[in-house]
Amino acid sequence: MSQDNLIKLKCKECKQINYNSFKNKKTIKEKIEEKKHCKFCRKHTNHIEMKGK
């Protein structure tokens, strides 16, 4: 996988970057939103894809 497909996910509540993931930008045009555990909030929250470079 190339670095172009790498995205960062940040917590919607505390705005901390918690996760890195890969996305095929040719097939998926919309931003990714996933429910994951935030170690700063200490609970499961929605994480959204950050704006690219």
N, C-alpha and C. Protein backbone atom coordinates (compact mmCIF):
# COMPACT_ATOMS: atom_id res chain seq x y z
N MET A 1 0.83 -1.18 0.00
CA MET A 1 0.00 0.00 0.00
C MET A 1 0.87 1.25 0.00
N SER A 2 0.48 2.23 -0.74
CA SER A 2 1.25 3.46 -0.78
C SER A 2 0.79 4.41 0.33
N GLN A 3 1.58 5.42 0.57
CA GLN A 3 1.26 6.41 1.59
C GLN A 3 0.06 7.27 1.18
N ASP A 4 -0.28 7.29 -0.11
CA ASP A 4 -1.42 8.07 -0.57
C ASP A 4 -2.74 7.54 -0.02
N ASN A 5 -2.78 6.24 0.29
CA ASN A 5 -4.00 5.62 0.77
C ASN A 5 -4.13 5.69 2.29
N LEU A 6 -3.13 6.22 2.98
CA LEU A 6 -3.14 6.30 4.43
C LEU A 6 -3.99 7.48 4.89
N ILE A 7 -4.89 7.23 5.84
CA ILE A 7 -5.72 8.30 6.40
C ILE A 7 -5.61 8.28 7.92
N LYS A 8 -5.92 9.40 8.55
CA LYS A 8 -5.92 9.51 10.01
C LYS A 8 -7.35 9.68 10.48
N LEU A 9 -7.67 9.03 11.60
CA LEU A 9 -9.00 9.14 12.18
C LEU A 9 -8.89 9.91 13.50
N LYS A 10 -9.75 10.92 13.67
CA LYS A 10 -9.73 11.68 14.91
C LYS A 10 -11.08 11.59 15.61
N CYS A 11 -11.03 11.70 16.92
CA CYS A 11 -12.23 11.63 17.74
C CYS A 11 -13.09 12.86 17.48
N LYS A 12 -14.39 12.65 17.36
CA LYS A 12 -15.31 13.75 17.08
C LYS A 12 -15.52 14.63 18.31
N GLU A 13 -15.32 14.07 19.50
CA GLU A 13 -15.57 14.82 20.74
C GLU A 13 -14.35 15.60 21.20
N CYS A 14 -13.20 14.94 21.34
CA CYS A 14 -12.02 15.61 21.89
C CYS A 14 -11.03 16.05 20.82
N LYS A 15 -11.27 15.69 19.56
CA LYS A 15 -10.44 16.10 18.41
C LYS A 15 -9.01 15.57 18.44
N GLN A 16 -8.76 14.48 19.16
CA GLN A 16 -7.44 13.86 19.21
C GLN A 16 -7.32 12.83 18.10
N ILE A 17 -6.13 12.73 17.49
CA ILE A 17 -5.87 11.73 16.46
C ILE A 17 -5.51 10.42 17.16
N ASN A 18 -6.29 9.37 16.90
CA ASN A 18 -6.11 8.10 17.61
C ASN A 18 -5.73 6.94 16.71
N TYR A 19 -6.16 6.95 15.46
CA TYR A 19 -6.00 5.78 14.60
C TYR A 19 -5.50 6.18 13.22
N ASN A 20 -4.78 5.26 12.59
CA ASN A 20 -4.41 5.34 11.18
C ASN A 20 -5.07 4.18 10.47
N SER A 21 -5.47 4.41 9.22
CA SER A 21 -6.14 3.37 8.46
C SER A 21 -5.84 3.59 6.98
N PHE A 22 -6.26 2.65 6.14
CA PHE A 22 -6.09 2.75 4.71
C PHE A 22 -7.45 2.87 4.04
N LYS A 23 -7.49 3.60 2.93
CA LYS A 23 -8.73 3.77 2.18
C LYS A 23 -8.40 3.79 0.69
N ASN A 24 -9.19 3.07 -0.09
CA ASN A 24 -9.06 3.11 -1.53
C ASN A 24 -9.81 4.34 -2.02
N LYS A 25 -9.07 5.40 -2.36
CA LYS A 25 -9.68 6.67 -2.71
C LYS A 25 -10.33 6.68 -4.08
N LYS A 26 -10.05 5.66 -4.89
CA LYS A 26 -10.68 5.58 -6.20
C LYS A 26 -12.12 5.09 -6.10
N THR A 27 -12.39 4.20 -5.16
CA THR A 27 -13.73 3.63 -5.05
C THR A 27 -14.56 4.29 -3.96
N ILE A 28 -13.93 4.82 -2.92
CA ILE A 28 -14.65 5.43 -1.80
C ILE A 28 -14.40 6.94 -1.83
N LYS A 29 -15.41 7.72 -2.16
CA LYS A 29 -15.25 9.17 -2.30
C LYS A 29 -15.61 9.91 -1.01
N GLU A 30 -16.57 9.39 -0.24
CA GLU A 30 -16.99 10.10 0.97
C GLU A 30 -16.03 9.84 2.13
N LYS A 31 -16.11 10.68 3.16
CA LYS A 31 -15.24 10.53 4.32
C LYS A 31 -15.70 9.35 5.17
N ILE A 32 -14.74 8.67 5.77
CA ILE A 32 -15.03 7.50 6.61
C ILE A 32 -15.37 7.96 8.02
N GLU A 33 -16.39 7.34 8.61
CA GLU A 33 -16.74 7.59 10.01
C GLU A 33 -16.97 6.25 10.67
N GLU A 34 -16.22 5.96 11.74
CA GLU A 34 -16.30 4.69 12.44
C GLU A 34 -16.44 4.93 13.92
N LYS A 35 -17.07 3.99 14.61
CA LYS A 35 -17.17 4.06 16.06
C LYS A 35 -16.02 3.25 16.65
N LYS A 36 -15.12 3.93 17.36
CA LYS A 36 -13.93 3.29 17.94
C LYS A 36 -13.72 3.81 19.35
N HIS A 37 -12.83 3.13 20.07
CA HIS A 37 -12.52 3.53 21.45
C HIS A 37 -11.50 4.66 21.45
N CYS A 38 -11.81 5.71 22.20
CA CYS A 38 -10.89 6.84 22.36
C CYS A 38 -10.23 6.73 23.72
N LYS A 39 -8.89 6.69 23.74
CA LYS A 39 -8.20 6.53 25.02
C LYS A 39 -8.18 7.83 25.82
N PHE A 40 -8.47 8.96 25.19
CA PHE A 40 -8.51 10.23 25.90
C PHE A 40 -9.87 10.45 26.55
N CYS A 41 -10.94 10.10 25.83
CA CYS A 41 -12.30 10.20 26.38
C CYS A 41 -12.65 9.01 27.27
N ARG A 42 -11.94 7.91 27.07
CA ARG A 42 -12.16 6.65 27.78
C ARG A 42 -13.54 6.06 27.54
N LYS A 43 -14.00 6.16 26.28
CA LYS A 43 -15.26 5.56 25.88
C LYS A 43 -15.29 5.40 24.37
N HIS A 44 -16.30 4.71 23.85
CA HIS A 44 -16.45 4.54 22.42
C HIS A 44 -17.11 5.80 21.85
N THR A 45 -16.46 6.38 20.86
CA THR A 45 -16.97 7.58 20.21
C THR A 45 -16.84 7.43 18.70
N ASN A 46 -17.49 8.33 17.97
CA ASN A 46 -17.34 8.33 16.52
C ASN A 46 -16.02 8.98 16.16
N HIS A 47 -15.30 8.36 15.24
CA HIS A 47 -14.04 8.88 14.73
C HIS A 47 -14.24 9.18 13.25
N ILE A 48 -13.78 10.36 12.83
CA ILE A 48 -13.98 10.78 11.44
C ILE A 48 -12.62 10.94 10.77
N GLU A 49 -12.64 10.83 9.47
CA GLU A 49 -11.42 10.97 8.68
C GLU A 49 -10.98 12.43 8.68
N MET A 50 -9.69 12.65 8.91
CA MET A 50 -9.16 14.00 8.89
C MET A 50 -8.97 14.49 7.47
N LYS A 51 -8.88 15.78 7.31
CA LYS A 51 -8.61 16.38 6.02
C LYS A 51 -7.20 15.98 5.58
N GLY A 52 -7.04 15.66 4.31
CA GLY A 52 -5.75 15.24 3.78
C GLY A 52 -4.73 16.34 3.80
N LYS A 53 -3.56 16.03 3.33
CA LYS A 53 -2.40 16.93 3.30
C LYS A 53 -2.82 18.33 3.08
